[in-house]
Amino acid sequence: MAEILVVDDEETMRVTLERALSLQGHRVVSVRGGVEGLEELLANKPNLVLLDLMLNDTHFNGIELLGRIRQLYPKLPVIMMSGYGTVDRAVRAMHLGADEFIRKPFSIDEVNAAINRVEKRIALRENARIKHSESIWPEAVMAFVSEDPTLRTILQRVQSIGRDRWNNALIVGEVGCGKTALARLLHGADGPHDRTLISVDCTRIQTSADLENVFGRDSEANSSLCQLAAGGSMLFEEIACLTAEGQHYLLDFIEHRREMGSGGLEGLDVRVIATSRTALSPLGEGGQIEDRLFQLLGMNSLYIPPLRERRGDIELLCRSFWSAFAGSDANPSLTGVLDRLPTEYSWPGNVRELKNWTERRWIEALTATGERGSEDENISALHAHELMERTEPGRGFDQVLRLVLLAAIERCRGNLEAAQRYLGLGDSEFRDYLRRTGLAEVEGDS
């Protein structure tokens, strides 16, 4: 439930809203004037503000307080209320950043409906990474500094595919190789623009409610992710994890370019881009993707080779990342860092792991502490989020545990007793972990 601040100079309205919303489980604080409202905001930031447009306050009317709220808390949702509910005032309030506008007198059901719409939009934005071309272009380009002919051909194809906004695409590549960065390049390939790119993690789209949020089934909501992406692009990450129902919705959306279930035929100008860490195949061949969806996405399939297959790019990328970290006030030398760059290493985390490695060396040089990890340290130890990207939803812990056990066994040259001591585990605990992760046969073979 939300923490709601009500700012209204009518005592009856304040008391009514406070009682009604409190009965529904919200924590409600009500004040009569703009100064009191501002003080309450600074002392206890709420989740939502219900604000009267025409406050009888010599310091702040509703519009002025809305302006202060937007300066202090740009993303704090505000619902404006007014008994003088003209179109002009409503439009002005919305332009100044109000999320909703309701006209007095109203029922508590109307207030609840407005709160639900605001909460839905917040949830949509929190569950999706929304970016604009102007801010993502340099970052995306940096990931593809390359002399590799295969990768350069892919970049040329991106430009060719991207010129027609009705071209969809499927991007395949290992964890960290730059699938999202390539999607950003594709998003902006039809010329300079500030259109929205919305990224959806398909592993999190599991229920009918999730599908409604993405594709839109409520004709009154006007806030599905597809609608928010109008004029831009939708990026469906790890498309193979999308449920069968979700694949059906996506297929229908691609073929008809309209929000699902609303009955509307208005076309939405949205480019669809999908990614996968492994090669895909259609269901008819025992694969993961509905046949027609595979056909539509696979028409423009792009495969990014892993970093170990283009070792000539390793130093180029390292230099590029180092330059990006550098600033005019602090620019440590790259001298000596390239000597430590393990070009023959397999880089399982690909470009992302190389960027992390370069950043660690940059921090070492910047702080000049002289504290360096031992040269025999396992630089394949990825950050936690990278490690989790190598696991399946619902099996993450066991799969990470298996990776840790295998690494310890390999480090100890297959000696299980040594691996057990290295991990600091007891006999029964170690054997339980081996059985849990399907490695009991390793114990039997030893």
Protein backbone atom coordinates (compact mmCIF):
# COMPACT_ATOMS: atom_id res chain seq x y z
CA MET A 1 0.00 0.00 0.00
CA ALA A 2 1.11 3.56 -0.70
CA GLU A 3 2.10 6.44 1.58
CA ILE A 4 -0.09 9.29 0.33
CA LEU A 5 0.10 13.02 1.03
CA VAL A 6 -3.16 14.95 0.55
CA VAL A 7 -2.84 18.73 0.13
CA ASP A 8 -6.23 20.48 0.07
CA ASP A 9 -7.56 23.61 1.79
CA GLU A 10 -11.06 22.13 2.12
CA GLU A 11 -11.28 20.35 5.47
CA THR A 12 -14.19 18.14 4.41
CA MET A 13 -12.25 16.93 1.37
CA ARG A 14 -9.12 16.23 3.44
CA VAL A 15 -11.02 14.25 6.07
CA THR A 16 -12.99 12.30 3.47
CA LEU A 17 -9.91 11.31 1.48
CA GLU A 18 -7.89 10.48 4.59
CA ARG A 19 -10.59 8.19 5.99
CA ALA A 20 -11.47 6.49 2.71
CA LEU A 21 -7.88 5.83 1.65
CA SER A 22 -6.83 4.73 5.15
CA LEU A 23 -9.61 2.15 5.17
CA GLN A 24 -8.05 0.67 2.03
CA GLY A 25 -4.71 0.23 3.79
CA HIS A 26 -2.89 3.36 2.61
CA ARG A 27 -0.94 5.50 5.06
CA VAL A 28 -2.37 8.99 4.60
CA VAL A 29 -1.20 12.37 5.85
CA SER A 30 -3.28 15.45 5.00
CA VAL A 31 -2.38 19.15 5.22
CA ARG A 32 -4.25 22.30 4.20
CA GLY A 33 -1.63 24.55 2.59
CA GLY A 34 1.30 24.61 0.21
CA VAL A 35 3.91 25.47 2.84
CA GLU A 36 2.73 22.62 5.09
CA GLY A 37 2.72 20.31 2.08
CA LEU A 38 6.29 21.22 1.20
CA GLU A 39 7.42 20.71 4.80
CA GLU A 40 5.79 17.28 4.92
CA LEU A 41 7.39 16.34 1.61
CA LEU A 42 10.86 17.23 2.88
CA ALA A 43 10.35 15.50 6.23
CA ASN A 44 8.66 12.31 5.02
CA LYS A 45 8.72 11.77 1.29
CA PRO A 46 5.45 9.98 0.34
CA ASN A 47 4.86 7.58 -2.56
CA LEU A 48 2.07 9.71 -4.04
CA VAL A 49 0.64 13.22 -3.72
CA LEU A 50 -3.02 14.22 -4.12
CA LEU A 51 -2.86 17.98 -4.70
CA ASP A 52 -5.61 20.57 -5.01
CA LEU A 53 -5.04 22.82 -8.01
CA MET A 54 -6.60 25.95 -6.48
CA LEU A 55 -5.02 26.04 -3.01
CA ASN A 56 -6.00 29.12 -1.00
CA ASP A 57 -2.44 29.77 0.12
CA THR A 58 -0.58 33.08 -0.13
CA HIS A 59 2.75 31.29 -0.58
CA PHE A 60 1.94 28.39 -2.91
CA ASN A 61 -1.07 27.60 -5.01
CA GLY A 62 -1.38 24.08 -6.41
CA ILE A 63 0.46 24.82 -9.64
CA GLU A 64 3.36 26.47 -7.79
CA LEU A 65 3.64 23.59 -5.34
CA LEU A 66 3.62 21.14 -8.26
CA GLY A 67 6.59 23.05 -9.70
CA ARG A 68 8.49 22.75 -6.40
CA ILE A 69 7.70 19.04 -6.21
CA ARG A 70 9.06 18.50 -9.71
CA GLN A 71 12.27 20.34 -8.79
CA LEU A 72 12.78 18.26 -5.65
CA TYR A 73 11.40 14.90 -6.73
CA PRO A 74 11.05 14.68 -10.54
CA LYS A 75 9.60 11.15 -10.47
CA LEU A 76 7.21 11.51 -7.51
CA PRO A 77 3.68 10.84 -8.85
CA VAL A 78 1.20 13.71 -8.39
CA ILE A 79 -2.57 13.57 -8.97
CA MET A 80 -4.11 17.04 -9.34
CA MET A 81 -7.66 17.74 -8.10
CA SER A 82 -9.82 20.74 -8.85
CA GLY A 83 -13.40 21.94 -8.60
CA TYR A 84 -12.52 24.36 -11.36
CA GLY A 85 -11.79 21.55 -13.75
CA THR A 86 -11.47 23.37 -17.03
CA VAL A 87 -9.57 21.83 -19.90
CA ASP A 88 -7.02 24.67 -19.85
CA ARG A 89 -6.12 24.09 -16.20
CA ALA A 90 -5.92 20.34 -16.67
CA VAL A 91 -3.64 20.73 -19.68
CA ARG A 92 -1.42 23.18 -17.81
CA ALA A 93 -1.14 20.82 -14.84
CA MET A 94 -0.21 17.89 -17.10
CA HIS A 95 2.39 19.98 -18.92
CA LEU A 96 3.97 20.89 -15.59
CA GLY A 97 4.30 17.24 -14.69
CA ALA A 98 1.05 16.07 -13.08
CA ASP A 99 0.46 12.37 -13.64
CA GLU A 100 -3.35 12.51 -13.44
CA PHE A 101 -6.10 15.15 -13.20
CA ILE A 102 -9.48 14.48 -11.55
CA ARG A 103 -12.37 16.91 -11.31
CA LYS A 104 -14.31 17.65 -8.13
CA PRO A 105 -16.77 16.42 -7.06
CA PHE A 106 -15.50 12.88 -7.53
CA SER A 107 -16.18 9.48 -6.03
CA ILE A 108 -13.59 7.48 -4.14
CA ASP A 109 -13.74 4.97 -7.01
CA GLU A 110 -12.48 7.68 -9.37
CA VAL A 111 -9.63 8.43 -6.99
CA ASN A 112 -8.75 4.73 -6.76
CA ALA A 113 -8.84 4.43 -10.54
CA ALA A 114 -6.41 7.36 -10.88
CA ILE A 115 -4.09 5.87 -8.23
CA ASN A 116 -4.17 2.48 -9.98
CA ARG A 117 -3.30 4.07 -13.34
CA VAL A 118 -0.35 5.90 -11.78
CA GLU A 119 0.90 2.76 -10.00
CA LYS A 120 0.60 0.76 -13.20
CA ARG A 121 2.71 3.26 -15.15
CA ILE A 122 5.32 3.27 -12.39
CA ALA A 123 5.49 -0.54 -12.44
CA LEU A 124 5.82 -0.56 -16.21
CA ARG A 125 8.73 1.83 -16.15
CA GLU A 126 10.45 0.03 -13.29
CA ASN A 127 10.19 -3.31 -15.12
CA ALA A 128 11.65 -1.94 -18.33
CA ARG A 129 14.82 -0.07 -19.14
CA ILE A 130 13.77 2.93 -21.20
CA LYS A 131 16.47 4.82 -23.07
CA HIS A 132 16.75 7.33 -25.88
CA SER A 133 19.02 7.19 -28.91
CA GLU A 134 20.84 10.42 -28.10
CA SER A 135 22.15 9.06 -24.80
CA ILE A 136 22.87 5.45 -25.80
CA TRP A 137 24.64 5.92 -29.14
CA PRO A 138 28.22 6.58 -27.85
CA GLU A 139 28.02 3.70 -25.36
CA ALA A 140 26.78 1.31 -28.03
CA VAL A 141 29.45 2.35 -30.54
CA MET A 142 32.22 1.85 -27.97
CA ALA A 143 31.35 -1.86 -27.62
CA PHE A 144 32.07 -2.41 -31.33
CA VAL A 145 35.51 -0.93 -31.81
CA SER A 146 36.77 -3.67 -34.09
CA GLU A 147 39.01 -4.69 -36.95
CA ASP A 148 37.40 -8.11 -37.21
CA PRO A 149 35.94 -8.56 -40.73
CA THR A 150 33.00 -10.66 -39.48
CA LEU A 151 31.96 -8.06 -36.96
CA ARG A 152 32.42 -5.21 -39.42
CA THR A 153 30.11 -7.03 -41.85
CA ILE A 154 27.52 -7.33 -39.07
CA LEU A 155 27.72 -3.59 -38.41
CA GLN A 156 27.16 -2.92 -42.11
CA ARG A 157 24.11 -5.19 -42.03
CA VAL A 158 22.78 -3.29 -39.01
CA GLN A 159 22.90 -0.07 -41.01
CA SER A 160 21.17 -1.74 -43.94
CA ILE A 161 18.46 -3.40 -41.85
CA GLY A 162 17.96 -0.35 -39.69
CA ARG A 163 17.10 2.04 -42.49
CA ASP A 164 13.66 0.43 -42.80
CA ARG A 165 11.81 0.72 -39.51
CA TRP A 166 9.56 -2.22 -40.34
CA ASN A 167 12.54 -4.57 -40.31
CA ASN A 168 12.69 -6.66 -37.14
CA ALA A 169 15.80 -8.53 -36.04
CA LEU A 170 17.13 -11.41 -33.93
CA ILE A 171 20.55 -10.94 -32.28
CA VAL A 172 22.39 -14.04 -31.05
CA GLY A 173 25.53 -14.08 -28.96
CA GLU A 174 27.08 -15.22 -25.69
CA VAL A 175 26.74 -13.39 -22.39
CA GLY A 176 28.52 -10.04 -22.47
CA CYS A 177 29.31 -9.99 -26.18
CA GLY A 178 27.23 -6.88 -26.89
CA LYS A 179 23.72 -7.99 -27.89
CA THR A 180 22.05 -5.05 -26.18
CA ALA A 181 24.61 -2.61 -27.58
CA LEU A 182 23.99 -3.92 -31.09
CA ALA A 183 20.24 -3.56 -30.53
CA ARG A 184 20.83 0.08 -29.62
CA LEU A 185 22.77 0.65 -32.83
CA LEU A 186 19.93 -0.95 -34.78
CA HIS A 187 17.41 1.21 -32.93
CA GLY A 188 19.19 4.38 -34.01
CA ALA A 189 20.18 3.28 -37.51
CA ASP A 190 17.34 5.11 -39.29
CA GLY A 191 18.90 8.49 -38.52
CA PRO A 192 19.29 10.87 -35.59
CA HIS A 193 16.20 10.83 -33.38
CA ASP A 194 15.09 10.76 -29.76
CA ARG A 195 12.65 7.87 -30.04
CA THR A 196 12.27 5.52 -27.10
CA LEU A 197 13.93 2.13 -26.78
CA ILE A 198 12.22 -0.12 -24.24
CA SER A 199 13.94 -3.29 -23.09
CA VAL A 200 11.88 -6.18 -21.68
CA ASP A 201 13.42 -9.13 -19.84
CA CYS A 202 11.43 -12.12 -21.13
CA THR A 203 12.35 -14.19 -18.07
CA ARG A 204 10.11 -11.85 -16.06
CA ILE A 205 7.09 -12.03 -18.38
CA GLN A 206 5.35 -15.07 -16.95
CA THR A 207 1.71 -14.20 -16.16
CA SER A 208 -1.29 -12.83 -18.03
CA ALA A 209 -0.92 -9.59 -16.05
CA ASP A 210 2.67 -9.28 -17.27
CA LEU A 211 1.50 -9.74 -20.85
CA GLU A 212 -1.14 -7.07 -20.39
CA ASN A 213 1.53 -4.67 -19.16
CA VAL A 214 3.71 -5.33 -22.18
CA PHE A 215 1.21 -5.61 -25.03
CA GLY A 216 -1.84 -3.81 -23.62
CA ARG A 217 -5.26 -5.35 -23.25
CA ASP A 218 -7.00 -2.61 -21.30
CA SER A 219 -8.25 -0.09 -23.83
CA GLU A 220 -8.59 2.55 -21.10
CA ALA A 221 -5.10 2.24 -19.66
CA ASN A 222 -3.17 3.72 -22.61
CA SER A 223 0.08 2.81 -20.91
CA SER A 224 1.31 -0.55 -22.17
CA LEU A 225 5.00 -0.82 -22.93
CA CYS A 226 4.21 -1.21 -26.63
CA GLN A 227 2.33 2.07 -26.52
CA LEU A 228 5.18 3.76 -24.65
CA ALA A 229 7.53 2.53 -27.40
CA ALA A 230 5.43 4.02 -30.23
CA GLY A 231 7.79 5.56 -32.76
CA GLY A 232 10.73 3.66 -31.26
CA SER A 233 11.78 0.07 -30.58
CA MET A 234 10.96 -2.86 -28.31
CA LEU A 235 13.85 -5.09 -27.26
CA PHE A 236 12.81 -8.56 -26.03
CA GLU A 237 15.83 -9.97 -24.19
CA GLU A 238 16.23 -13.77 -24.04
CA ILE A 239 13.29 -14.42 -26.34
CA ALA A 240 13.49 -18.19 -25.79
CA CYS A 241 12.31 -17.62 -22.19
CA LEU A 242 9.04 -16.06 -23.35
CA THR A 243 6.06 -18.31 -22.59
CA ALA A 244 4.00 -19.89 -25.38
CA GLU A 245 1.21 -17.39 -24.70
CA GLY A 246 3.72 -14.56 -24.76
CA GLN A 247 5.10 -15.75 -28.09
CA HIS A 248 1.58 -15.79 -29.49
CA TYR A 249 1.03 -12.20 -28.35
CA LEU A 250 4.36 -11.08 -29.79
CA LEU A 251 3.66 -12.78 -33.09
CA ASP A 252 0.27 -11.11 -33.35
CA PHE A 253 1.80 -7.76 -32.46
CA ILE A 254 4.52 -8.08 -35.10
CA GLU A 255 2.04 -9.09 -37.78
CA HIS A 256 -0.55 -6.44 -36.95
CA ARG A 257 1.45 -3.76 -35.08
CA ARG A 258 -1.40 -3.05 -32.69
CA GLU A 259 -2.05 -3.33 -28.98
CA MET A 260 -3.58 -6.68 -28.10
CA GLY A 261 -7.21 -7.23 -27.17
CA SER A 262 -8.37 -3.61 -27.37
CA GLY A 263 -10.05 -4.09 -30.71
CA GLY A 264 -8.29 -1.04 -32.07
CA LEU A 265 -6.73 -1.14 -35.53
CA GLU A 266 -4.52 1.90 -35.11
CA GLY A 267 -1.02 0.90 -36.15
CA LEU A 268 1.86 1.36 -33.74
CA ASP A 269 5.19 2.28 -35.32
CA VAL A 270 7.40 -0.03 -33.24
CA ARG A 271 10.48 -1.96 -34.34
CA VAL A 272 10.83 -5.37 -32.64
CA ILE A 273 14.30 -6.65 -31.74
CA ALA A 274 14.92 -9.94 -29.91
CA THR A 275 18.08 -11.39 -28.38
CA SER A 276 19.22 -14.86 -27.37
CA ARG A 277 22.42 -16.15 -25.83
CA THR A 278 22.12 -19.41 -27.81
CA ALA A 279 21.17 -20.26 -31.38
CA LEU A 280 17.42 -20.79 -31.77
CA SER A 281 15.33 -23.16 -33.84
CA PRO A 282 11.57 -23.38 -34.54
CA LEU A 283 9.26 -25.54 -32.45
CA GLY A 284 8.55 -27.72 -35.48
CA GLU A 285 12.16 -28.85 -35.31
CA GLY A 286 12.13 -29.37 -31.56
CA GLY A 287 13.27 -25.82 -30.86
CA GLN A 288 12.19 -23.02 -28.55
CA ILE A 289 10.37 -20.53 -30.79
CA GLU A 290 6.98 -20.76 -32.51
CA ASP A 291 7.63 -21.43 -36.20
CA ARG A 292 6.10 -18.26 -37.64
CA LEU A 293 7.73 -16.06 -34.99
CA PHE A 294 11.09 -17.67 -35.72
CA GLN A 295 10.58 -16.96 -39.41
CA LEU A 296 9.69 -13.29 -38.89
CA LEU A 297 12.58 -12.60 -36.51
CA GLY A 298 15.09 -14.85 -38.26
CA MET A 299 14.76 -12.97 -41.55
CA ASN A 300 17.29 -10.55 -40.09
CA SER A 301 19.44 -12.72 -37.85
CA LEU A 302 22.71 -11.28 -36.52
CA TYR A 303 25.34 -13.41 -34.77
CA ILE A 304 28.00 -11.65 -32.67
CA PRO A 305 31.21 -13.72 -32.46
CA PRO A 306 32.66 -14.09 -28.94
CA LEU A 307 35.77 -12.13 -28.00
CA ARG A 308 37.99 -15.23 -28.07
CA GLU A 309 37.27 -15.53 -31.82
CA ARG A 310 38.44 -11.96 -32.50
CA ARG A 311 41.47 -11.56 -30.28
CA GLY A 312 42.75 -8.69 -32.39
CA ASP A 313 39.99 -6.54 -30.88
CA ILE A 314 41.02 -7.11 -27.26
CA GLU A 315 43.68 -4.40 -27.13
CA LEU A 316 41.56 -2.01 -29.22
CA LEU A 317 38.65 -2.38 -26.81
CA CYS A 318 40.89 -2.04 -23.77
CA ARG A 319 42.26 1.26 -25.14
CA SER A 320 38.75 2.45 -25.93
CA PHE A 321 37.43 1.69 -22.44
CA TRP A 322 40.49 3.29 -20.83
CA SER A 323 39.92 6.48 -22.81
CA ALA A 324 36.27 6.49 -21.78
CA PHE A 325 37.20 6.19 -18.10
CA ALA A 326 39.79 8.97 -18.45
CA GLY A 327 38.98 12.62 -17.72
CA SER A 328 40.80 15.89 -18.12
CA ASP A 329 41.61 16.10 -14.39
CA ALA A 330 42.71 12.52 -13.89
CA ASN A 331 44.22 10.53 -16.70
CA PRO A 332 46.56 7.76 -15.50
CA SER A 333 48.83 6.24 -18.09
CA LEU A 334 47.97 3.02 -19.87
CA THR A 335 51.65 2.13 -19.81
CA GLY A 336 52.18 -1.24 -18.17
CA VAL A 337 48.48 -2.14 -18.24
CA LEU A 338 48.64 -3.61 -21.74
CA ASP A 339 51.54 -5.81 -20.61
CA ARG A 340 49.17 -7.38 -18.09
CA LEU A 341 46.30 -7.75 -20.58
CA PRO A 342 45.72 -11.53 -20.92
CA THR A 343 45.08 -11.67 -24.66
CA GLU A 344 45.22 -15.47 -24.72
CA TYR A 345 42.58 -15.77 -22.01
CA SER A 346 39.21 -17.21 -23.14
CA TRP A 347 37.14 -14.24 -21.84
CA PRO A 348 33.93 -16.14 -21.00
CA GLY A 349 32.30 -12.80 -20.08
CA ASN A 350 33.35 -11.34 -23.45
CA VAL A 351 33.37 -7.55 -23.94
CA ARG A 352 31.64 -6.93 -20.61
CA GLU A 353 34.31 -8.86 -18.72
CA LEU A 354 37.08 -7.02 -20.59
CA LYS A 355 35.45 -3.70 -19.66
CA ASN A 356 35.32 -4.77 -16.00
CA TRP A 357 38.96 -5.89 -16.12
CA THR A 358 40.00 -2.57 -17.64
CA GLU A 359 38.01 -0.63 -15.05
CA ARG A 360 39.74 -2.49 -12.21
CA ARG A 361 43.13 -1.64 -13.69
CA TRP A 362 41.99 1.97 -14.13
CA ILE A 363 41.03 2.22 -10.44
CA GLU A 364 44.38 0.73 -9.45
CA ALA A 365 46.22 3.32 -11.54
CA LEU A 366 44.00 6.17 -10.36
CA THR A 367 44.38 5.41 -6.66
CA ALA A 368 48.05 4.48 -7.11
CA THR A 369 47.84 2.15 -4.14
CA GLY A 370 50.08 -0.41 -5.73
CA GLU A 371 47.69 -3.08 -4.49
CA ARG A 372 47.19 -5.50 -7.32
CA GLY A 373 45.59 -8.87 -7.44
CA SER A 374 48.01 -11.72 -7.86
CA GLU A 375 48.72 -12.45 -11.48
CA ASP A 376 47.49 -16.02 -11.07
CA GLU A 377 44.10 -14.85 -9.78
CA ASN A 378 41.15 -16.27 -11.65
CA ILE A 379 40.12 -13.27 -13.76
CA SER A 380 37.13 -15.22 -15.01
CA ALA A 381 35.42 -14.49 -11.68
CA LEU A 382 32.54 -12.47 -13.05
CA HIS A 383 30.46 -10.02 -11.10
CA ALA A 384 27.41 -11.63 -9.50
CA HIS A 385 24.98 -10.35 -12.10
CA GLU A 386 27.14 -11.68 -14.92
CA LEU A 387 27.35 -15.08 -13.26
CA MET A 388 23.57 -15.15 -12.87
CA GLU A 389 23.17 -14.45 -16.59
CA ARG A 390 24.70 -17.86 -17.20
CA THR A 391 21.92 -19.57 -15.26
CA GLU A 392 18.28 -20.43 -15.91
CA PRO A 393 15.37 -18.84 -14.01
CA GLY A 394 14.43 -20.96 -11.01
CA ARG A 395 17.72 -22.91 -11.08
CA GLY A 396 20.16 -20.08 -10.46
CA PHE A 397 21.53 -21.16 -7.08
CA ASP A 398 22.19 -24.78 -8.00
CA GLN A 399 23.79 -23.83 -11.30
CA VAL A 400 26.08 -21.25 -9.65
CA LEU A 401 26.92 -23.80 -6.95
CA ARG A 402 27.83 -26.32 -9.66
CA LEU A 403 30.14 -23.77 -11.32
CA VAL A 404 31.87 -23.08 -8.00
CA LEU A 405 32.34 -26.79 -7.29
CA LEU A 406 33.70 -27.49 -10.77
CA ALA A 407 36.10 -24.54 -10.51
CA ALA A 408 37.40 -25.77 -7.15
CA ILE A 409 37.81 -29.35 -8.45
CA GLU A 410 39.61 -28.09 -11.53
CA ARG A 411 41.85 -25.82 -9.45
CA CYS A 412 42.80 -28.81 -7.31
CA ARG A 413 43.51 -30.94 -10.41
CA GLY A 414 40.60 -33.30 -9.74
CA ASN A 415 41.55 -34.04 -6.15
CA LEU A 416 38.20 -33.95 -4.32
CA GLU A 417 39.71 -33.92 -0.83
CA ALA A 418 41.81 -30.91 -1.77
CA ALA A 419 38.79 -29.21 -3.34
CA GLN A 420 36.78 -29.85 -0.17
CA ARG A 421 39.53 -28.29 1.98
CA TYR A 422 39.86 -25.38 -0.42
CA LEU A 423 36.13 -24.63 -0.09
CA GLY A 424 36.20 -25.11 3.67
CA LEU A 425 33.40 -27.70 3.67
CA GLY A 426 32.76 -30.69 5.88
CA ASP A 427 32.57 -34.24 4.48
CA SER A 428 28.78 -34.61 4.51
CA GLU A 429 28.19 -31.04 3.33
CA PHE A 430 30.57 -31.44 0.40
CA ARG A 431 29.00 -34.76 -0.66
CA ASP A 432 25.49 -33.28 -0.37
CA TYR A 433 26.48 -30.43 -2.67
CA LEU A 434 27.95 -32.88 -5.18
CA ARG A 435 24.74 -34.89 -5.26
CA ARG A 436 22.55 -31.76 -5.41
CA THR A 437 24.38 -30.44 -8.45
CA GLY A 438 24.65 -33.77 -10.29
CA LEU A 439 28.39 -34.10 -9.66
CA ALA A 440 28.19 -37.24 -7.52
CA GLU A 441 29.60 -39.20 -10.46
CA VAL A 442 32.76 -37.12 -10.16
CA GLU A 443 33.15 -38.43 -6.64
CA GLY A 444 32.59 -41.96 -7.85
CA ASP A 445 35.21 -41.59 -10.55
CA SER A 446 37.86 -40.23 -8.23
